[in-house]
C-alpha atoms as a PDB file:
ATOM      1  CA  MET A   1       6.915  -7.706  19.155  1.00  0.00           C
ATOM      2  CA  ASP A   2       5.807 -11.415  20.502  1.00  0.00           C
ATOM      3  CA  ALA A   3       5.613 -14.328  18.889  1.00  0.00           C
ATOM      4  CA  GLY A   4       1.770 -14.129  18.327  1.00  0.00           C
ATOM      5  CA  ALA A   5       1.640 -10.648  16.680  1.00  0.00           C
ATOM      6  CA  LEU A   6       4.521 -11.503  14.284  1.00  0.00           C
ATOM      7  CA  LEU A   7       2.808 -14.619  13.413  1.00  0.00           C
ATOM      8  CA  ASP A   8      -0.125 -12.286  12.950  1.00  0.00           C
ATOM      9  CA  ARG A   9       1.966  -9.964  10.761  1.00  0.00           C
ATOM     10  CA  TYR A  10       3.440 -13.025   8.655  1.00  0.00           C
ATOM     11  CA  GLU A  11       0.126 -14.264   7.718  1.00  0.00           C
ATOM     12  CA  ARG A  12      -1.242 -11.111   6.392  1.00  0.00           C
ATOM     13  CA  MET A  13       1.488 -10.928   4.087  1.00  0.00           C
ATOM     14  CA  ASP A  14       0.961 -14.251   3.432  1.00  0.00           C
ATOM     15  CA  VAL A  15      -2.366 -13.404   2.124  1.00  0.00           C
ATOM     16  CA  ILE A  16      -1.350 -10.378   0.139  1.00  0.00           C
ATOM     17  CA  ARG A  17       1.335 -12.406  -1.511  1.00  0.00           C
ATOM     18  CA  ARG A  18      -0.762 -15.265  -2.284  1.00  0.00           C
ATOM     19  CA  THR A  19      -3.705 -12.625  -3.512  1.00  0.00           C
ATOM     20  CA  GLU A  20      -0.919 -11.004  -5.876  1.00  0.00           C
ATOM     21  CA  LYS A  21      -0.362 -13.908  -7.188  1.00  0.00           C
ATOM     22  CA  ALA A  22      -3.891 -14.985  -7.987  1.00  0.00           C
ATOM     23  CA  ALA A  23      -4.371 -11.620  -9.548  1.00  0.00           C
ATOM     24  CA  HIS A  24      -1.097 -12.657 -11.853  1.00  0.00           C
ATOM     25  CA  ASP A  25      -2.519 -15.856 -12.812  1.00  0.00           C
ATOM     26  CA  LEU A  26      -5.975 -14.449 -13.563  1.00  0.00           C
ATOM     27  CA  PHE A  27      -4.540 -11.799 -15.909  1.00  0.00           C
ATOM     28  CA  LEU A  28      -2.786 -14.672 -17.822  1.00  0.00           C
ATOM     29  CA  GLN A  29      -6.223 -16.191 -17.849  1.00  0.00           C
ATOM     30  CA  GLY A  30      -8.210 -13.530 -19.785  1.00  0.00           C
ATOM     31  CA  LEU A  31      -9.897 -12.857 -16.308  1.00  0.00           C
ATOM     32  CA  VAL A  32      -8.541  -9.232 -15.282  1.00  0.00           C
ATOM     33  CA  LYS A  33      -9.818  -6.338 -17.177  1.00  0.00           C
ATOM     34  CA  GLY A  34      -7.034  -3.731 -17.462  1.00  0.00           C
ATOM     35  CA  THR A  35      -3.794  -3.749 -16.265  1.00  0.00           C
ATOM     36  CA  THR A  36      -2.382  -4.575 -13.004  1.00  0.00           C
ATOM     37  CA  HIS A  37       0.780  -3.636 -10.926  1.00  0.00           C
ATOM     38  CA  LEU A  38       1.720  -5.820  -8.548  1.00  0.00           C
ATOM     39  CA  ALA A  39       3.028  -5.087  -5.235  1.00  0.00           C
ATOM     40  CA  ALA A  40       4.719  -8.509  -4.821  1.00  0.00           C
ATOM     41  CA  GLY A  41       7.700  -7.861  -2.699  1.00  0.00           C
ATOM     42  CA  GLN A  42       6.314  -4.731  -0.681  1.00  0.00           C
ATOM     43  CA  GLU A  43       3.903  -6.504   1.775  1.00  0.00           C
ATOM     44  CA  ALA A  44       5.770  -5.376   4.840  1.00  0.00           C
ATOM     45  CA  ILE A  45       5.321  -1.914   4.216  1.00  0.00           C
ATOM     46  CA  ALA A  46       1.344  -2.223   4.468  1.00  0.00           C
ATOM     47  CA  VAL A  47       1.214  -4.647   6.874  1.00  0.00           C
ATOM     48  CA  GLY A  48       3.691  -3.321   9.099  1.00  0.00           C
ATOM     49  CA  ALA A  49       2.357   0.167   8.750  1.00  0.00           C
ATOM     50  CA  SER A  50      -1.299  -0.565   9.031  1.00  0.00           C
ATOM     51  CA  ALA A  51      -0.412  -2.664  12.312  1.00  0.00           C
ATOM     52  CA  ALA A  52       1.013   0.230  13.847  1.00  0.00           C
ATOM     53  CA  LEU A  53      -2.276   2.665  13.156  1.00  0.00           C
ATOM     54  CA  ARG A  54      -5.366   2.729  14.958  1.00  0.00           C
ATOM     55  CA  PRO A  55      -8.717   1.751  13.054  1.00  0.00           C
ATOM     56  CA  ASP A  56      -9.809   5.270  12.218  1.00  0.00           C
ATOM     57  CA  ASP A  57      -7.006   6.505  10.805  1.00  0.00           C
ATOM     58  CA  TYR A  58      -6.461   7.201   6.984  1.00  0.00           C
ATOM     59  CA  VAL A  59      -4.834   5.561   4.234  1.00  0.00           C
ATOM     60  CA  PHE A  60      -3.721   6.792   0.840  1.00  0.00           C
ATOM     61  CA  ALA A  61      -2.030   4.595  -1.742  1.00  0.00           C
ATOM     62  CA  THR A  62      -0.764   4.712  -5.449  1.00  0.00           C
ATOM     63  CA  TYR A  63      -1.988   2.256  -8.444  1.00  0.00           C
ATOM     64  CA  ARG A  64       0.214  -0.095  -6.669  1.00  0.00           C
ATOM     65  CA  GLY A  65      -1.970  -0.560  -3.787  1.00  0.00           C
ATOM     66  CA  HIS A  66      -3.639  -4.145  -3.803  1.00  0.00           C
ATOM     67  CA  HIS A  67      -1.649  -4.853  -0.420  1.00  0.00           C
ATOM     68  CA  HIS A  68      -2.608  -1.686   0.983  1.00  0.00           C
ATOM     69  CA  ALA A  69      -6.203  -2.253   1.021  1.00  0.00           C
ATOM     70  CA  LEU A  70      -5.905  -5.589   1.896  1.00  0.00           C
ATOM     71  CA  ALA A  71      -4.015  -4.470   4.708  1.00  0.00           C
ATOM     72  CA  ARG A  72      -6.805  -2.256   5.952  1.00  0.00           C
ATOM     73  CA  GLY A  73      -9.179  -4.572   5.656  1.00  0.00           C
ATOM     74  CA  ALA A  74     -10.260  -5.274   2.141  1.00  0.00           C
ATOM     75  CA  THR A  75     -10.895  -9.089   1.953  1.00  0.00           C
ATOM     76  CA  PRO A  76      -9.175 -10.856  -0.814  1.00  0.00           C
ATOM     77  CA  GLU A  77     -12.583 -12.063  -2.779  1.00  0.00           C
ATOM     78  CA  GLU A  78     -13.327  -7.993  -2.945  1.00  0.00           C
ATOM     79  CA  CYS A  79     -10.124  -7.239  -4.349  1.00  0.00           C
ATOM     80  CA  LEU A  80     -10.033  -9.757  -7.020  1.00  0.00           C
ATOM     81  CA  ALA A  81     -13.828  -9.655  -7.897  1.00  0.00           C
ATOM     82  CA  GLU A  82     -13.121  -5.543  -8.505  1.00  0.00           C
ATOM     83  CA  LEU A  83     -10.183  -6.914 -10.844  1.00  0.00           C
ATOM     84  CA  MET A  84     -12.568  -9.297 -12.726  1.00  0.00           C
ATOM     85  CA  SER A  85     -14.877  -6.265 -13.050  1.00  0.00           C
ATOM     86  CA  ARG A  86     -17.712  -7.942 -10.793  1.00  0.00           C
ATOM     87  CA  ALA A  87     -20.557  -6.467  -9.202  1.00  0.00           C
ATOM     88  CA  THR A  88     -19.504  -8.039  -5.676  1.00  0.00           C
ATOM     89  CA  GLY A  89     -15.748  -6.119  -6.388  1.00  0.00           C
ATOM     90  CA  LEU A  90     -14.791  -3.590  -3.668  1.00  0.00           C
ATOM     91  CA  CYS A  91     -15.751  -0.675  -5.564  1.00  0.00           C
ATOM     92  CA  GLY A  92     -18.676  -2.442  -7.558  1.00  0.00           C
ATOM     93  CA  ALA A  93     -16.485  -2.873 -10.963  1.00  0.00           C
ATOM     94  CA  LYS A  94     -16.071   1.096 -10.812  1.00  0.00           C
ATOM     95  CA  GLY A  95     -12.802   1.178  -9.578  1.00  0.00           C
ATOM     96  CA  GLY A  96     -10.307  -1.452 -11.046  1.00  0.00           C
ATOM     97  CA  SER A  97      -6.812  -2.700 -10.126  1.00  0.00           C
ATOM     98  CA  MET A  98      -5.976   1.118  -9.788  1.00  0.00           C
ATOM     99  CA  HIS A  99      -8.420   2.400  -7.718  1.00  0.00           C
ATOM    100  CA  LEU A 100      -8.943   0.023  -4.768  1.00  0.00           C
ATOM    101  CA  THR A 101     -10.857   1.761  -2.028  1.00  0.00           C
ATOM    102  CA  LYS A 102     -12.710   1.106   1.444  1.00  0.00           C
ATOM    103  CA  ALA A 103     -13.589   4.539   2.880  1.00  0.00           C
ATOM    104  CA  ALA A 104     -15.554   2.341   5.515  1.00  0.00           C
ATOM    105  CA  THR A 105     -11.906   0.981   6.859  1.00  0.00           C
ATOM    106  CA  GLY A 106     -10.066   3.988   6.500  1.00  0.00           C
ATOM    107  CA  MET A 107      -8.703   3.314   3.110  1.00  0.00           C
ATOM    108  CA  LEU A 108      -9.195   6.528   1.338  1.00  0.00           C
ATOM    109  CA  GLY A 109      -8.468   5.319  -2.416  1.00  0.00           C
ATOM    110  CA  SER A 110      -5.655   4.440  -4.893  1.00  0.00           C
ATOM    111  CA  TYR A 111      -4.799   6.962  -7.275  1.00  0.00           C
ATOM    112  CA  ALA A 112      -3.314   6.552 -10.613  1.00  0.00           C
ATOM    113  CA  ILE A 113      -1.848   9.747 -11.013  1.00  0.00           C
ATOM    114  CA  VAL A 114       1.765  10.360  -9.664  1.00  0.00           C
ATOM    115  CA  GLY A 115       1.522  12.120  -6.251  1.00  0.00           C
ATOM    116  CA  SER A 116      -2.105  13.328  -7.028  1.00  0.00           C
ATOM    117  CA  HIS A 117      -2.899  12.018  -3.530  1.00  0.00           C
ATOM    118  CA  LEU A 118      -0.520  13.543  -1.493  1.00  0.00           C
ATOM    119  CA  PRO A 119      -2.504  17.287  -1.551  1.00  0.00           C
ATOM    120  CA  MET A 120      -5.488  15.216  -0.459  1.00  0.00           C
ATOM    121  CA  ALA A 121      -3.432  13.433   2.456  1.00  0.00           C
ATOM    122  CA  VAL A 122      -3.106  16.669   3.835  1.00  0.00           C
ATOM    123  CA  GLY A 123      -6.477  17.736   3.494  1.00  0.00           C
ATOM    124  CA  ALA A 124      -7.498  14.942   5.128  1.00  0.00           C
ATOM    125  CA  ALA A 125      -5.113  15.783   7.929  1.00  0.00           C
ATOM    126  CA  TRP A 126      -6.233  19.237   8.396  1.00  0.00           C
ATOM    127  CA  SER A 127      -9.815  17.675   8.643  1.00  0.00           C
ATOM    128  CA  ALA A 128      -8.725  15.658  11.518  1.00  0.00           C
ATOM    129  CA  ARG A 129      -7.449  18.609  13.312  1.00  0.00           C
ATOM    130  CA  LEU A 130     -10.634  20.609  12.987  1.00  0.00           C
ATOM    131  CA  ARG A 131     -12.243  18.066  14.509  1.00  0.00           C
ATOM    132  CA  GLY A 132      -9.931  17.041  16.887  1.00  0.00           C
ATOM    133  CA  THR A 133     -10.242  13.410  16.675  1.00  0.00           C
ATOM    134  CA  GLU A 134      -6.270  13.068  16.621  1.00  0.00           C
ATOM    135  CA  GLN A 135      -6.198  10.942  13.680  1.00  0.00           C
ATOM    136  CA  LEU A 136      -3.060  10.168  11.669  1.00  0.00           C
ATOM    137  CA  VAL A 137      -3.186   9.920   7.819  1.00  0.00           C
ATOM    138  CA  VAL A 138      -0.532   8.128   6.087  1.00  0.00           C
ATOM    139  CA  ALA A 139       0.201   8.350   2.348  1.00  0.00           C
ATOM    140  CA  PHE A 140       2.202   6.000   0.655  1.00  0.00           C
ATOM    141  CA  PHE A 141       4.391   6.965  -2.580  1.00  0.00           C
ATOM    142  CA  GLY A 142       6.718   5.456  -4.804  1.00  0.00           C
ATOM    143  CA  ASP A 143       9.953   7.061  -5.105  1.00  0.00           C
ATOM    144  CA  GLY A 144       9.040   8.904  -8.373  1.00  0.00           C
ATOM    145  CA  ALA A 145       6.844  11.004  -6.887  1.00  0.00           C
ATOM    146  CA  THR A 146       9.642  12.602  -5.015  1.00  0.00           C
ATOM    147  CA  ASN A 147      10.279  14.538  -8.295  1.00  0.00           C
ATOM    148  CA  ILE A 148       6.699  15.980  -8.436  1.00  0.00           C
ATOM    149  CA  GLY A 149       6.054  19.205  -7.470  1.00  0.00           C
ATOM    150  CA  ALA A 150       2.897  18.061  -5.431  1.00  0.00           C
ATOM    151  CA  PHE A 151       5.141  16.199  -2.867  1.00  0.00           C
ATOM    152  CA  HIS A 152       6.867  19.189  -2.263  1.00  0.00           C
ATOM    153  CA  GLU A 153       3.809  21.172  -2.122  1.00  0.00           C
ATOM    154  CA  SER A 154       2.415  18.614   0.072  1.00  0.00           C
ATOM    155  CA  LEU A 155       5.724  18.226   2.637  1.00  0.00           C
ATOM    156  CA  ASN A 156       5.913  22.202   2.662  1.00  0.00           C
ATOM    157  CA  LEU A 157       1.888  22.962   3.751  1.00  0.00           C
ATOM    158  CA  ALA A 158       2.030  20.141   6.129  1.00  0.00           C
ATOM    159  CA  ALA A 159       4.959  21.468   7.826  1.00  0.00           C
ATOM    160  CA  VAL A 160       3.610  24.813   8.168  1.00  0.00           C
ATOM    161  CA  TRP A 161       0.215  23.353   9.774  1.00  0.00           C
ATOM    162  CA  ARG A 162       2.174  20.711  11.678  1.00  0.00           C
ATOM    163  CA  LEU A 163      -0.378  18.527  10.011  1.00  0.00           C
ATOM    164  CA  PRO A 164      -0.903  14.677  11.650  1.00  0.00           C
ATOM    165  CA  VAL A 165       0.539  13.215   8.574  1.00  0.00           C
ATOM    166  CA  LEU A 166       3.255  10.821   7.445  1.00  0.00           C
ATOM    167  CA  PHE A 167       4.405  10.499   4.062  1.00  0.00           C
ATOM    168  CA  VAL A 168       5.570   7.090   3.432  1.00  0.00           C
ATOM    169  CA  CYS A 169       7.905   6.364   0.284  1.00  0.00           C
ATOM    170  CA  GLU A 170       8.025   3.199  -0.860  1.00  0.00           C
ATOM    171  CA  ASN A 171      11.086   3.465  -2.647  1.00  0.00           C
ATOM    172  CA  ASN A 172      11.764   0.328  -5.342  1.00  0.00           C
ATOM    173  CA  LEU A 173      14.616   1.808  -7.065  1.00  0.00           C
ATOM    174  CA  TYR A 174      12.587   2.517 -10.120  1.00  0.00           C
ATOM    175  CA  MET A 175      10.088   5.150 -11.385  1.00  0.00           C
ATOM    176  CA  GLU A 176       8.465   2.654 -13.807  1.00  0.00           C
ATOM    177  CA  TYR A 177      11.495   1.795 -15.725  1.00  0.00           C
ATOM    178  CA  THR A 178      13.434   4.518 -14.982  1.00  0.00           C
ATOM    179  CA  PRO A 179      16.131   4.132 -12.055  1.00  0.00           C
ATOM    180  CA  ILE A 180      15.202   6.619  -9.492  1.00  0.00           C
ATOM    181  CA  ALA A 181      19.030   7.227  -8.732  1.00  0.00           C
ATOM    182  CA  ASP A 182      19.812   8.008 -12.526  1.00  0.00           C
ATOM    183  CA  VAL A 183      17.558  10.880 -12.033  1.00  0.00           C
ATOM    184  CA  THR A 184      17.484  12.499  -8.347  1.00  0.00           C
ATOM    185  CA  ALA A 185      20.409  14.337  -7.132  1.00  0.00           C
ATOM    186  CA  VAL A 186      20.533  12.885  -3.606  1.00  0.00           C
ATOM    187  CA  PRO A 187      20.860   9.053  -2.804  1.00  0.00           C
ATOM    188  CA  ARG A 188      17.590   9.374  -0.229  1.00  0.00           C
ATOM    189  CA  PRO A 189      14.667  10.592  -2.743  1.00  0.00           C
ATOM    190  CA  ALA A 190      12.357  11.420  -0.043  1.00  0.00           C
ATOM    191  CA  ALA A 191      14.150  11.006   3.112  1.00  0.00           C
ATOM    192  CA  ASP A 192      17.228  13.196   2.104  1.00  0.00           C
ATOM    193  CA  ARG A 193      14.765  16.093   0.989  1.00  0.00           C
ATOM    194  CA  ALA A 194      12.880  16.209   4.249  1.00  0.00           C
ATOM    195  CA  PRO A 195      15.254  18.468   5.885  1.00  0.00           C
ATOM    196  CA  ALA A 196      14.657  21.191   3.369  1.00  0.00           C
ATOM    197  CA  HIS A 197      11.149  21.273   4.619  1.00  0.00           C
ATOM    198  CA  GLY A 198      11.729  21.237   8.405  1.00  0.00           C
ATOM    199  CA  ILE A 199      10.733  18.034   8.950  1.00  0.00           C
ATOM    200  CA  PRO A 200      12.685  14.563   9.926  1.00  0.00           C
ATOM    201  CA  GLY A 201      13.193  12.064   7.354  1.00  0.00           C
ATOM    202  CA  GLU A 202      14.166   8.570   8.032  1.00  0.00           C
ATOM    203  CA  VAL A 203      14.964   5.321   6.285  1.00  0.00           C
ATOM    204  CA  VAL A 204      13.780   1.488   7.110  1.00  0.00           C
ATOM    205  CA  ASP A 205      14.396  -1.555   5.462  1.00  0.00           C
ATOM    206  CA  GLY A 206      10.786  -1.893   4.003  1.00  0.00           C
ATOM    207  CA  ASN A 207      11.109  -5.541   3.701  1.00  0.00           C
ATOM    208  CA  ASP A 208      11.421  -5.725   7.572  1.00  0.00           C
ATOM    209  CA  VAL A 209       7.678  -5.886   8.986  1.00  0.00           C
ATOM    210  CA  VAL A 210       8.979  -5.460  12.773  1.00  0.00           C
ATOM    211  CA  ALA A 211      11.186  -2.695  11.498  1.00  0.00           C
ATOM    212  CA  VAL A 212       8.113  -0.801   9.895  1.00  0.00           C
ATOM    213  CA  GLU A 213       5.956  -1.259  12.635  1.00  0.00           C
ATOM    214  CA  GLU A 214       8.465   0.128  14.920  1.00  0.00           C
ATOM    215  CA  ALA A 215       9.551   3.163  12.832  1.00  0.00           C
ATOM    216  CA  VAL A 216       5.779   4.153  11.769  1.00  0.00           C
ATOM    217  CA  GLY A 217       4.521   3.913  15.629  1.00  0.00           C
ATOM    218  CA  ARG A 218       7.042   5.740  16.732  1.00  0.00           C
ATOM    219  CA  LEU A 219       6.178   8.521  14.009  1.00  0.00           C
ATOM    220  CA  ALA A 220       2.673   8.295  14.346  1.00  0.00           C
ATOM    221  CA  ARG A 221       3.132   8.792  18.356  1.00  0.00           C
ATOM    222  CA  ARG A 222       5.046  11.937  17.476  1.00  0.00           C
ATOM    223  CA  ALA A 223       2.187  13.526  15.376  1.00  0.00           C
ATOM    224  CA  ARG A 224      -0.394  12.601  17.439  1.00  0.00           C
ATOM    225  CA  ALA A 225       1.403  14.908  20.067  1.00  0.00           C
ATOM    226  CA  GLY A 226       1.325  17.712  17.738  1.00  0.00           C
ATOM    227  CA  GLU A 227       5.039  17.590  16.546  1.00  0.00           C
ATOM    228  CA  GLY A 228       3.500  17.611  12.741  1.00  0.00           C
ATOM    229  CA  PRO A 229       4.572  15.536  10.241  1.00  0.00           C
ATOM    230  CA  ALA A 230       7.544  12.937   8.907  1.00  0.00           C
ATOM    231  CA  VAL A 231       8.694  10.923   6.141  1.00  0.00           C
ATOM    232  CA  LEU A 232       9.449   7.515   6.227  1.00  0.00           C
ATOM    233  CA  GLU A 233      11.559   6.243   3.300  1.00  0.00           C
ATOM    234  CA  ALA A 234      10.983   2.329   3.163  1.00  0.00           C
ATOM    235  CA  GLU A 235      13.690   0.428   0.886  1.00  0.00           C
ATOM    236  CA  THR A 236      11.999  -2.484  -0.718  1.00  0.00           C
ATOM    237  CA  TYR A 237      12.308  -3.968  -4.133  1.00  0.00           C
ATOM    238  CA  ARG A 238       8.964  -5.542  -6.874  1.00  0.00           C
ATOM    239  CA  HIS A 239       9.298  -8.697  -7.650  1.00  0.00           C
ATOM    240  CA  PHE A 240       7.231  -8.346 -11.100  1.00  0.00           C
ATOM    241  CA  GLY A 241       7.666  -5.445 -13.654  1.00  0.00           C
ATOM    242  CA  HIS A 242       6.352  -1.818 -13.544  1.00  0.00           C
ATOM    243  CA  SER A 243       3.214  -3.448 -14.769  1.00  0.00           C
ATOM    244  CA  ARG A 244       1.365  -6.713 -16.434  1.00  0.00           C
ATOM    245  CA  ALA A 245       2.927  -5.136 -19.842  1.00  0.00           C
ATOM    246  CA  ASP A 246       6.584  -5.022 -18.063  1.00  0.00           C
ATOM    247  CA  PRO A 247       8.681  -8.060 -18.115  1.00  0.00           C
ATOM    248  CA  ALA A 248      11.394  -5.881 -16.279  1.00  0.00           C
ATOM    249  CA  ALA A 249      14.586  -6.716 -18.444  1.00  0.00           C
ATOM    250  CA  TYR A 250      15.984  -3.493 -17.396  1.00  0.00           C
ATOM    251  CA  ARG A 251      17.031  -4.670 -13.776  1.00  0.00           C
ATOM    252  CA  PRO A 252      20.312  -6.245 -13.647  1.00  0.00           C
ATOM    253  CA  ALA A 253      20.225 -10.150 -12.798  1.00  0.00           C
ATOM    254  CA  GLU A 254      22.680  -9.776  -9.977  1.00  0.00           C
ATOM    255  CA  GLU A 255      20.482  -7.190  -8.347  1.00  0.00           C
ATOM    256  CA  VAL A 256      16.958  -9.321  -8.566  1.00  0.00           C
ATOM    257  CA  GLU A 257      18.722 -12.024  -6.917  1.00  0.00           C
ATOM    258  CA  ARG A 258      20.268  -9.756  -4.370  1.00  0.00           C
ATOM    259  CA  TRP A 259      16.657  -8.690  -3.687  1.00  0.00           C
ATOM    260  CA  LEU A 260      14.960 -11.690  -3.687  1.00  0.00           C
ATOM    261  CA  LYS A 261      17.342 -13.242  -0.812  1.00  0.00           C
ATOM    262  CA  HIS A 262      15.865 -10.447   1.512  1.00  0.00           C
ATOM    263  CA  ASP A 263      12.426 -11.344   0.738  1.00  0.00           C
ATOM    264  CA  PRO A 264       9.620  -9.594   3.368  1.00  0.00           C
ATOM    265  CA  LEU A 265       8.095 -13.362   4.111  1.00  0.00           C
ATOM    266  CA  ASP A 266      11.644 -14.869   4.731  1.00  0.00           C
ATOM    267  CA  LEU A 267      12.676 -12.474   7.064  1.00  0.00           C
ATOM    268  CA  ALA A 268       9.691 -12.477   8.604  1.00  0.00           C
ATOM    269  CA  ARG A 269      10.044 -16.315   9.107  1.00  0.00           C
ATOM    270  CA  GLY A 270      13.378 -15.834  10.274  1.00  0.00           C
ATOM    271  CA  HIS A 271      12.275 -13.545  13.214  1.00  0.00           C
ATOM    272  CA  LEU A 272       9.634 -16.171  13.839  1.00  0.00           C
ATOM    273  CA  ALA A 273      12.323 -18.816  14.235  1.00  0.00           C
ATOM    274  CA  GLU A 274      14.412 -16.543  16.407  1.00  0.00           C
ATOM    275  CA  LEU A 275      11.148 -16.317  18.997  1.00  0.00           C
ATOM    276  CA  GLY A 276      10.862 -20.133  18.920  1.00  0.00           C
ATOM    277  CA  VAL A 277       8.189 -20.384  16.771  1.00  0.00           C
ATOM    278  CA  GLY A 278       8.440 -23.744  14.664  1.00  0.00           C
ATOM    279  CA  ALA A 279       8.033 -24.906  11.052  1.00  0.00           C
ATOM    280  CA  GLU A 280       4.757 -26.622  11.485  1.00  0.00           C
ATOM    281  CA  THR A 281       3.561 -23.656  13.143  1.00  0.00           C
ATOM    282  CA  VAL A 282       4.398 -21.539   9.886  1.00  0.00           C
ATOM    283  CA  ALA A 283       3.447 -24.156   7.967  1.00  0.00           C
ATOM    284  CA  GLU A 284      -0.422 -23.942   9.291  1.00  0.00           C
ATOM    285  CA  ALA A 285      -0.380 -20.277   8.792  1.00  0.00           C
ATOM    286  CA  ASP A 286       0.756 -20.964   5.157  1.00  0.00           C
ATOM    287  CA  GLU A 287      -2.562 -23.174   4.672  1.00  0.00           C
ATOM    288  CA  ARG A 288      -4.967 -20.813   6.071  1.00  0.00           C
ATOM    289  CA  ALA A 289      -3.759 -17.985   4.143  1.00  0.00           C
ATOM    290  CA  ARG A 290      -3.556 -20.673   1.261  1.00  0.00           C
ATOM    291  CA  ALA A 291      -7.182 -21.807   1.584  1.00  0.00           C
ATOM    292  CA  VAL A 292      -8.589 -18.173   2.096  1.00  0.00           C
ATOM    293  CA  VAL A 293      -6.985 -16.760  -1.285  1.00  0.00           C
ATOM    294  CA  GLU A 294      -8.342 -20.400  -3.184  1.00  0.00           C
ATOM    295  CA  ARG A 295     -11.710 -19.720  -1.916  1.00  0.00           C
ATOM    296  CA  ALA A 296     -11.569 -16.038  -2.923  1.00  0.00           C
ATOM    297  CA  VAL A 297     -10.402 -16.754  -6.281  1.00  0.00           C
ATOM    298  CA  GLU A 298     -13.678 -18.992  -6.799  1.00  0.00           C
ATOM    299  CA  ALA A 299     -16.199 -16.862  -5.445  1.00  0.00           C
ATOM    300  CA  ALA A 300     -14.850 -13.697  -7.630  1.00  0.00           C
ATOM    301  CA  LYS A 301     -14.917 -16.217 -10.909  1.00  0.00           C
ATOM    302  CA  ALA A 302     -18.520 -17.029  -9.280  1.00  0.00           C
ATOM    303  CA  ALA A 303     -19.892 -13.480  -8.720  1.00  0.00           C
ATOM    304  CA  PRO A 304     -21.899 -11.608 -11.576  1.00  0.00           C
ATOM    305  CA  PRO A 305     -21.713  -8.817 -13.494  1.00  0.00           C
ATOM    306  CA  PRO A 306     -22.041  -5.392 -12.620  1.00  0.00           C
ATOM    307  CA  ASP A 307     -25.823  -4.404 -13.502  1.00  0.00           C
ATOM    308  CA  PRO A 308     -25.712  -1.285 -15.902  1.00  0.00           C
ATOM    309  CA  ARG A 309     -28.356   0.479 -14.407  1.00  0.00           C
ATOM    310  CA  GLU A 310     -25.671   0.986 -11.671  1.00  0.00           C
ATOM    311  CA  ALA A 311     -23.389   2.832 -13.631  1.00  0.00           C
ATOM    312  CA  LEU A 312     -24.370   6.554 -12.512  1.00  0.00           C
ATOM    313  CA  THR A 313     -24.817   5.844  -8.947  1.00  0.00           C
ATOM    314  CA  ASP A 314     -22.470   6.992  -6.078  1.00  0.00           C
ATOM    315  CA  VAL A 315     -21.034  10.013  -8.697  1.00  0.00           C
ATOM    316  CA  TRP A 316     -22.119  12.380  -5.748  1.00  0.00           C
ATOM    317  CA  ALA A 317     -22.002  11.761  -1.871  1.00  0.00           C
ATOM    318  CA  ASP A 318     -25.713  11.322  -1.899  1.00  0.00           C
ATOM    319  CA  GLY A 319     -25.232   7.975  -4.145  1.00  0.00           C
ATOM    320  CA  GLY A 320     -27.171  10.074  -7.419  1.00  0.00           C
ATOM    321  CA  ALA A 321     -25.526  11.609 -10.570  1.00  0.00           C
ATOM    322  CA  ALA A 322     -27.891  14.227 -11.190  1.00  0.00           C
ATOM    323  CA  TRP A 323     -26.160  17.462 -12.999  1.00  0.00           C
ATOM    324  CA  ARG A 324     -25.678  20.435 -10.263  1.00  0.00           C
ATOM    325  CA  THR A 325     -25.089  24.058 -11.190  1.00  0.00           C
END
């Protein structure tokens, strides 16, 4: 990856990190409705993967999905306004933090039920196959979903039909509050189980945006060539607790310290330095990211609440809500 491309990836991650920090601060100010599940620390997975995809590819994410929505084209203002239940929100204040969706850019939703979106991703991949579009579908999920039946059902059917779908596990070591290693028989909960379904499983440093983009790009080319699905397990770590109600006191201090030293933004800065990009250039990118998020916060705060008359729109694909038999 050349310096210009890497600087672009860095700035995108920086915008996501600052947007998550803004969501955290707005929550503490009482301006965010409901809880949030922040993805600070996991930005490299979303940015690296998205950079390796085509604009018309499909992405499915979990309730911890702000970073994926932003990586696939949602703006910080749209996301923060949605969290604040404003009319200008990404879903018009109907989705909130856990359901960020922007179908126009291929972001086909964030899903609160663990593992529920994996069969949907398989269906979307089947749709792409039927239509002959060579689109790829990427389903992001947490390590806890690997112990859900839908994970295995989805891998099996995708393998049987050799569908163009990539299953990306964001392994941040904890399924909510429980260490995944304590309740799983294999050390790599996603990658180690892929061979049972006859598909390849790989592990990547999920905090290294360069490594993530390379791995997703390679597996995407494989899937588009008709070679079927794959599992990519991206090792990462969330900087906050499971949700805003969780102080994450169960995580050992030395573990937290070790992972914070392996921060995605720091790794990207190191790569940039190796490519000869100076600190001043990186600081300019930081300033651009800061300004974007600062403007987004102010715009979201100033946005109006949703019109109650809009509550029953968009229930059906035609935009209406009339009962059907």
